[in-house]
Amino acid sequence: LSNPASRPGVLHGAYSYLAQDDDGQVIEV
């Protein structure tokens, strides 16, 4: 939430903000 590059998507059954790339793939954190 404190990273402007994050945007909403689906992970582990819910829609929320995620760290993801331009293709919508969850990135390593």
PDB file of all heavy atoms in Angstrom:
ATOM      1  N   LEU A   1       0.818  -1.220   0.000  1.00  0.00           N
ATOM      2  CA  LEU A   1       0.000   0.000   0.000  1.00  0.00           C
ATOM      3  C   LEU A   1       0.848   1.264   0.000  1.00  0.00           C
ATOM      4  O   LEU A   1       0.384   2.312  -0.439  1.00  0.00           O
ATOM      5  CB  LEU A   1      -0.938  -0.019   1.210  1.00  0.00           C
ATOM      6  CG  LEU A   1      -1.962  -1.154   1.191  1.00  0.00           C
ATOM      7  CD1 LEU A   1      -2.739  -1.185   2.490  1.00  0.00           C
ATOM      8  CD2 LEU A   1      -2.913  -1.014   0.013  1.00  0.00           C
ATOM      9  N   SER A   2       2.085   1.183   0.473  1.00  0.00           N
ATOM     10  CA  SER A   2       2.954   2.361   0.490  1.00  0.00           C
ATOM     11  C   SER A   2       3.843   2.441  -0.752  1.00  0.00           C
ATOM     12  O   SER A   2       4.732   3.275  -0.833  1.00  0.00           O
ATOM     13  CB  SER A   2       3.833   2.364   1.750  1.00  0.00           C
ATOM     14  OG  SER A   2       4.607   1.179   1.845  1.00  0.00           O
ATOM     15  N   ASN A   3       3.579   1.571  -1.714  1.00  0.00           N
ATOM     16  CA  ASN A   3       4.328   1.560  -2.969  1.00  0.00           C
ATOM     17  C   ASN A   3       3.400   1.987  -4.100  1.00  0.00           C
ATOM     18  O   ASN A   3       2.451   1.279  -4.430  1.00  0.00           O
ATOM     19  CB  ASN A   3       4.873   0.157  -3.244  1.00  0.00           C
ATOM     20  CG  ASN A   3       5.721   0.088  -4.501  1.00  0.00           C
ATOM     21  OD1 ASN A   3       5.803   1.047  -5.268  1.00  0.00           O
ATOM     22  ND2 ASN A   3       6.348  -1.059  -4.714  1.00  0.00           N
ATOM     23  N   PRO A   4       3.652   3.129  -4.740  1.00  0.00           N
ATOM     24  CA  PRO A   4       2.751   3.604  -5.799  1.00  0.00           C
ATOM     25  C   PRO A   4       2.675   2.672  -6.994  1.00  0.00           C
ATOM     26  O   PRO A   4       1.737   2.754  -7.793  1.00  0.00           O
ATOM     27  CB  PRO A   4       3.337   4.959  -6.198  1.00  0.00           C
ATOM     28  CG  PRO A   4       4.589   5.156  -5.438  1.00  0.00           C
ATOM     29  CD  PRO A   4       4.740   4.065  -4.456  1.00  0.00           C
ATOM     30  N   ALA A   5       3.650   1.753  -7.125  1.00  0.00           N
ATOM     31  CA  ALA A   5       3.649   0.828  -8.267  1.00  0.00           C
ATOM     32  C   ALA A   5       2.677  -0.337  -8.065  1.00  0.00           C
ATOM     33  O   ALA A   5       2.315  -1.019  -9.020  1.00  0.00           O
ATOM     34  CB  ALA A   5       5.053   0.288  -8.508  1.00  0.00           C
ATOM     35  N   SER A   6       2.251  -0.576  -6.824  1.00  0.00           N
ATOM     36  CA  SER A   6       1.311  -1.669  -6.573  1.00  0.00           C
ATOM     37  C   SER A   6      -0.070  -1.305  -7.087  1.00  0.00           C
ATOM     38  O   SER A   6      -0.453  -0.134  -7.113  1.00  0.00           O
ATOM     39  CB  SER A   6       1.236  -1.963  -5.073  1.00  0.00           C
ATOM     40  OG  SER A   6       2.459  -2.462  -4.599  1.00  0.00           O
ATOM     41  N   ARG A   7      -0.816  -2.319  -7.480  1.00  0.00           N
ATOM     42  CA  ARG A   7      -2.186  -2.082  -7.944  1.00  0.00           C
ATOM     43  C   ARG A   7      -3.017  -3.322  -7.632  1.00  0.00           C
ATOM     44  O   ARG A   7      -2.477  -4.396  -7.373  1.00  0.00           O
ATOM     45  CB  ARG A   7      -2.206  -1.762  -9.433  1.00  0.00           C
ATOM     46  CG  ARG A   7      -1.630  -2.833 -10.324  1.00  0.00           C
ATOM     47  CD  ARG A   7      -1.529  -2.307 -11.762  1.00  0.00           C
ATOM     48  NE  ARG A   7      -1.169  -3.370 -12.690  1.00  0.00           N
ATOM     49  CZ  ARG A   7       0.077  -3.801 -12.887  1.00  0.00           C
ATOM     50  NH1 ARG A   7       1.070  -3.258 -12.203  1.00  0.00           N
ATOM     51  NH2 ARG A   7       0.330  -4.768 -13.746  1.00  0.00           N
ATOM     52  N   PRO A   8      -4.336  -3.185  -7.667  1.00  0.00           N
ATOM     53  CA  PRO A   8      -5.182  -4.307  -7.272  1.00  0.00           C
ATOM     54  C   PRO A   8      -5.101  -5.497  -8.227  1.00  0.00           C
ATOM     55  O   PRO A   8      -4.890  -5.349  -9.429  1.00  0.00           O
ATOM     56  CB  PRO A   8      -6.590  -3.699  -7.273  1.00  0.00           C
ATOM     57  CG  PRO A   8      -6.381  -2.237  -7.101  1.00  0.00           C
ATOM     58  CD  PRO A   8      -5.114  -1.941  -7.844  1.00  0.00           C
ATOM     59  N   GLY A   9      -5.298  -6.658  -7.643  1.00  0.00           N
ATOM     60  CA  GLY A   9      -5.354  -7.908  -8.381  1.00  0.00           C
ATOM     61  C   GLY A   9      -5.822  -9.003  -7.442  1.00  0.00           C
ATOM     62  O   GLY A   9      -6.193  -8.736  -6.295  1.00  0.00           O
ATOM     63  N   VAL A  10      -5.814 -10.235  -7.921  1.00  0.00           N
ATOM     64  CA  VAL A  10      -6.307 -11.364  -7.132  1.00  0.00           C
ATOM     65  C   VAL A  10      -5.141 -12.222  -6.667  1.00  0.00           C
ATOM     66  O   VAL A  10      -4.285 -12.623  -7.468  1.00  0.00           O
ATOM     67  CB  VAL A  10      -7.295 -12.221  -7.942  1.00  0.00           C
ATOM     68  CG1 VAL A  10      -7.684 -13.475  -7.165  1.00  0.00           C
ATOM     69  CG2 VAL A  10      -8.545 -11.403  -8.273  1.00  0.00           C
ATOM     70  N   LEU A  11      -5.110 -12.516  -5.370  1.00  0.00           N
ATOM     71  CA  LEU A  11      -4.123 -13.416  -4.784  1.00  0.00           C
ATOM     72  C   LEU A  11      -4.775 -14.164  -3.637  1.00  0.00           C
ATOM     73  O   LEU A  11      -5.447 -13.559  -2.801  1.00  0.00           O
ATOM     74  CB  LEU A  11      -2.899 -12.639  -4.277  1.00  0.00           C
ATOM     75  CG  LEU A  11      -1.810 -13.471  -3.582  1.00  0.00           C
ATOM     76  CD1 LEU A  11      -1.153 -14.433  -4.566  1.00  0.00           C
ATOM     77  CD2 LEU A  11      -0.756 -12.563  -2.953  1.00  0.00           C
ATOM     78  N   HIS A  12      -4.588 -15.472  -3.635  1.00  0.00           N
ATOM     79  CA  HIS A  12      -5.081 -16.316  -2.548  1.00  0.00           C
ATOM     80  C   HIS A  12      -6.559 -16.077  -2.235  1.00  0.00           C
ATOM     81  O   HIS A  12      -6.975 -15.994  -1.082  1.00  0.00           O
ATOM     82  CB  HIS A  12      -4.228 -16.134  -1.296  1.00  0.00           C
ATOM     83  CG  HIS A  12      -2.800 -16.567  -1.492  1.00  0.00           C
ATOM     84  ND1 HIS A  12      -1.725 -15.915  -0.941  1.00  0.00           N
ATOM     85  CD2 HIS A  12      -2.270 -17.593  -2.226  1.00  0.00           C
ATOM     86  CE1 HIS A  12      -0.603 -16.521  -1.305  1.00  0.00           C
ATOM     87  NE2 HIS A  12      -0.912 -17.537  -2.086  1.00  0.00           N
ATOM     88  N   GLY A  13      -7.339 -15.941  -3.309  1.00  0.00           N
ATOM     89  CA  GLY A  13      -8.787 -15.949  -3.156  1.00  0.00           C
ATOM     90  C   GLY A  13      -9.456 -14.624  -2.925  1.00  0.00           C
ATOM     91  O   GLY A  13     -10.671 -14.577  -2.730  1.00  0.00           O
ATOM     92  N   ALA A  14      -8.690 -13.517  -2.940  1.00  0.00           N
ATOM     93  CA  ALA A  14      -9.301 -12.205  -2.681  1.00  0.00           C
ATOM     94  C   ALA A  14      -8.707 -11.150  -3.604  1.00  0.00           C
ATOM     95  O   ALA A  14      -7.569 -11.262  -4.063  1.00  0.00           O
ATOM     96  CB  ALA A  14      -9.100 -11.797  -1.225  1.00  0.00           C
ATOM     97  N   TYR A  15      -9.493 -10.116  -3.840  1.00  0.00           N
ATOM     98  CA  TYR A  15      -9.078  -8.981  -4.660  1.00  0.00           C
ATOM     99  C   TYR A  15      -8.568  -7.885  -3.737  1.00  0.00           C
ATOM    100  O   TYR A  15      -9.294  -7.391  -2.862  1.00  0.00           O
ATOM    101  CB  TYR A  15     -10.275  -8.481  -5.471  1.00  0.00           C
ATOM    102  CG  TYR A  15      -9.997  -7.327  -6.403  1.00  0.00           C
ATOM    103  CD1 TYR A  15      -9.215  -7.488  -7.547  1.00  0.00           C
ATOM    104  CD2 TYR A  15     -10.539  -6.061  -6.152  1.00  0.00           C
ATOM    105  CE1 TYR A  15      -8.979  -6.430  -8.411  1.00  0.00           C
ATOM    106  CE2 TYR A  15     -10.318  -4.999  -7.013  1.00  0.00           C
ATOM    107  CZ  TYR A  15      -9.529  -5.191  -8.146  1.00  0.00           C
ATOM    108  OH  TYR A  15      -9.293  -4.137  -9.001  1.00  0.00           O
ATOM    109  N   SER A  16      -7.297  -7.509  -3.897  1.00  0.00           N
ATOM    110  CA  SER A  16      -6.704  -6.477  -3.062  1.00  0.00           C
ATOM    111  C   SER A  16      -5.469  -5.932  -3.778  1.00  0.00           C
ATOM    112  O   SER A  16      -5.163  -6.333  -4.903  1.00  0.00           O
ATOM    113  CB  SER A  16      -6.325  -7.046  -1.683  1.00  0.00           C
ATOM    114  OG  SER A  16      -5.902  -6.011  -0.814  1.00  0.00           O
ATOM    115  N   TYR A  17      -4.750  -5.054  -3.121  1.00  0.00           N
ATOM    116  CA  TYR A  17      -3.509  -4.539  -3.704  1.00  0.00           C
ATOM    117  C   TYR A  17      -2.430  -5.621  -3.676  1.00  0.00           C
ATOM    118  O   TYR A  17      -2.298  -6.356  -2.691  1.00  0.00           O
ATOM    119  CB  TYR A  17      -3.016  -3.316  -2.930  1.00  0.00           C
ATOM    120  CG  TYR A  17      -3.696  -2.032  -3.329  1.00  0.00           C
ATOM    121  CD1 TYR A  17      -4.882  -1.636  -2.708  1.00  0.00           C
ATOM    122  CD2 TYR A  17      -3.173  -1.219  -4.329  1.00  0.00           C
ATOM    123  CE1 TYR A  17      -5.516  -0.457  -3.063  1.00  0.00           C
ATOM    124  CE2 TYR A  17      -3.797  -0.036  -4.699  1.00  0.00           C
ATOM    125  CZ  TYR A  17      -4.970   0.340  -4.058  1.00  0.00           C
ATOM    126  OH  TYR A  17      -5.602   1.501  -4.416  1.00  0.00           O
ATOM    127  N   LEU A  18      -1.640  -5.680  -4.754  1.00  0.00           N
ATOM    128  CA  LEU A  18      -0.575  -6.664  -4.888  1.00  0.00           C
ATOM    129  C   LEU A  18       0.680  -6.017  -5.441  1.00  0.00           C
ATOM    130  O   LEU A  18       0.611  -5.017  -6.164  1.00  0.00           O
ATOM    131  CB  LEU A  18      -0.972  -7.782  -5.860  1.00  0.00           C
ATOM    132  CG  LEU A  18      -2.254  -8.560  -5.646  1.00  0.00           C
ATOM    133  CD1 LEU A  18      -2.429  -9.566  -6.770  1.00  0.00           C
ATOM    134  CD2 LEU A  18      -2.222  -9.265  -4.305  1.00  0.00           C
ATOM    135  N   ALA A  19       1.803  -6.642  -5.153  1.00  0.00           N
ATOM    136  CA  ALA A  19       3.042  -6.337  -5.867  1.00  0.00           C
ATOM    137  C   ALA A  19       3.047  -7.212  -7.119  1.00  0.00           C
ATOM    138  O   ALA A  19       3.144  -8.436  -7.024  1.00  0.00           O
ATOM    139  CB  ALA A  19       4.247  -6.646  -4.986  1.00  0.00           C
ATOM    140  N   GLN A  20       2.899  -6.596  -8.287  1.00  0.00           N
ATOM    141  CA  GLN A  20       2.808  -7.365  -9.524  1.00  0.00           C
ATOM    142  C   GLN A  20       3.467  -6.603 -10.670  1.00  0.00           C
ATOM    143  O   GLN A  20       3.634  -5.383 -10.609  1.00  0.00           O
ATOM    144  CB  GLN A  20       1.344  -7.668  -9.869  1.00  0.00           C
ATOM    145  CG  GLN A  20       0.444  -6.457  -9.913  1.00  0.00           C
ATOM    146  CD  GLN A  20      -1.015  -6.816 -10.153  1.00  0.00           C
ATOM    147  OE1 GLN A  20      -1.332  -7.589 -11.050  1.00  0.00           O
ATOM    148  NE2 GLN A  20      -1.908  -6.268  -9.338  1.00  0.00           N
ATOM    149  N   ASP A  21       3.839  -7.358 -11.718  1.00  0.00           N
ATOM    150  CA  ASP A  21       4.481  -6.723 -12.861  1.00  0.00           C
ATOM    151  C   ASP A  21       3.439  -6.257 -13.876  1.00  0.00           C
ATOM    152  O   ASP A  21       2.224  -6.369 -13.650  1.00  0.00           O
ATOM    153  CB  ASP A  21       5.519  -7.660 -13.502  1.00  0.00           C
ATOM    154  CG  ASP A  21       4.903  -8.949 -14.042  1.00  0.00           C
ATOM    155  OD1 ASP A  21       3.679  -8.977 -14.325  1.00  0.00           O
ATOM    156  OD2 ASP A  21       5.647  -9.935 -14.203  1.00  0.00           O
ATOM    157  N   ASP A  22       3.912  -5.750 -15.017  1.00  0.00           N
ATOM    158  CA  ASP A  22       3.006  -5.207 -16.026  1.00  0.00           C
ATOM    159  C   ASP A  22       2.109  -6.268 -16.649  1.00  0.00           C
ATOM    160  O   ASP A  22       1.065  -5.950 -17.227  1.00  0.00           O
ATOM    161  CB  ASP A  22       3.810  -4.513 -17.133  1.00  0.00           C
ATOM    162  CG  ASP A  22       4.485  -3.239 -16.634  1.00  0.00           C
ATOM    163  OD1 ASP A  22       4.023  -2.700 -15.604  1.00  0.00           O
ATOM    164  OD2 ASP A  22       5.468  -2.805 -17.257  1.00  0.00           O
ATOM    165  N   ASP A  23       2.506  -7.535 -16.526  1.00  0.00           N
ATOM    166  CA  ASP A  23       1.702  -8.633 -17.061  1.00  0.00           C
ATOM    167  C   ASP A  23       0.745  -9.205 -16.023  1.00  0.00           C
ATOM    168  O   ASP A  23       0.056 -10.197 -16.279  1.00  0.00           O
ATOM    169  CB  ASP A  23       2.617  -9.751 -17.580  1.00  0.00           C
ATOM    170  CG  ASP A  23       3.477  -9.298 -18.749  1.00  0.00           C
ATOM    171  OD1 ASP A  23       2.967  -8.521 -19.581  1.00  0.00           O
ATOM    172  OD2 ASP A  23       4.650  -9.708 -18.819  1.00  0.00           O
ATOM    173  N   GLY A  24       0.721  -8.595 -14.831  1.00  0.00           N
ATOM    174  CA  GLY A  24      -0.176  -9.072 -13.786  1.00  0.00           C
ATOM    175  C   GLY A  24       0.361 -10.247 -12.996  1.00  0.00           C
ATOM    176  O   GLY A  24      -0.369 -10.846 -12.200  1.00  0.00           O
ATOM    177  N   GLN A  25       1.650 -10.571 -13.173  1.00  0.00           N
ATOM    178  CA  GLN A  25       2.259 -11.662 -12.423  1.00  0.00           C
ATOM    179  C   GLN A  25       2.769 -11.141 -11.083  1.00  0.00           C
ATOM    180  O   GLN A  25       3.408 -10.088 -11.012  1.00  0.00           O
ATOM    181  CB  GLN A  25       3.417 -12.277 -13.210  1.00  0.00           C
ATOM    182  CG  GLN A  25       3.001 -12.897 -14.537  1.00  0.00           C
ATOM    183  CD  GLN A  25       2.019 -14.037 -14.350  1.00  0.00           C
ATOM    184  OE1 GLN A  25       2.256 -14.961 -13.573  1.00  0.00           O
ATOM    185  NE2 GLN A  25       0.894 -13.960 -15.050  1.00  0.00           N
ATOM    186  N   VAL A  26       2.469 -11.891 -10.022  1.00  0.00           N
ATOM    187  CA  VAL A  26       2.928 -11.501  -8.691  1.00  0.00           C
ATOM    188  C   VAL A  26       4.450 -11.546  -8.657  1.00  0.00           C
ATOM    189  O   VAL A  26       5.063 -12.528  -9.081  1.00  0.00           O
ATOM    190  CB  VAL A  26       2.337 -12.438  -7.615  1.00  0.00           C
ATOM    191  CG1 VAL A  26       2.871 -12.059  -6.231  1.00  0.00           C
ATOM    192  CG2 VAL A  26       0.816 -12.363  -7.621  1.00  0.00           C
ATOM    193  N   ILE A  27       5.072 -10.470  -8.190  1.00  0.00           N
ATOM    194  CA  ILE A  27       6.529 -10.427  -8.164  1.00  0.00           C
ATOM    195  C   ILE A  27       7.066 -10.869  -6.801  1.00  0.00           C
ATOM    196  O   ILE A  27       6.352 -10.857  -5.803  1.00  0.00           O
ATOM    197  CB  ILE A  27       7.043  -9.011  -8.490  1.00  0.00           C
ATOM    198  CG1 ILE A  27       6.582  -7.998  -7.427  1.00  0.00           C
ATOM    199  CG2 ILE A  27       6.603  -8.571  -9.882  1.00  0.00           C
ATOM    200  CD1 ILE A  27       7.143  -6.607  -7.614  1.00  0.00           C
ATOM    201  N   GLU A  28       8.325 -11.250  -6.784  1.00  0.00           N
ATOM    202  CA  GLU A  28       8.977 -11.617  -5.535  1.00  0.00           C
ATOM    203  C   GLU A  28       9.113 -10.373  -4.662  1.00  0.00           C
ATOM    204  O   GLU A  28       9.383  -9.279  -5.147  1.00  0.00           O
ATOM    205  CB  GLU A  28      10.364 -12.199  -5.807  1.00  0.00           C
ATOM    206  CG  GLU A  28      10.355 -13.528  -6.538  1.00  0.00           C
ATOM    207  CD  GLU A  28      11.752 -14.101  -6.693  1.00  0.00           C
ATOM    208  OE1 GLU A  28      12.681 -13.570  -6.050  1.00  0.00           O
ATOM    209  OE2 GLU A  28      11.905 -15.079  -7.439  1.00  0.00           O
ATOM    210  N   VAL A  29       8.909 -10.556  -3.372  1.00  0.00           N
ATOM    211  CA  VAL A  29       9.115  -9.467  -2.433  1.00  0.00           C
ATOM    212  C   VAL A  29      10.148  -9.894  -1.406  1.00  0.00           C
ATOM    213  O   VAL A  29      10.479 -11.080  -1.297  1.00  0.00           O
ATOM    214  CB  VAL A  29       7.798  -9.047  -1.738  1.00  0.00           C
ATOM    215  CG1 VAL A  29       6.820  -8.474  -2.749  1.00  0.00           C
ATOM    216  CG2 VAL A  29       7.169 -10.210  -0.981  1.00  0.00           C
TER     217      VAL A  29
END
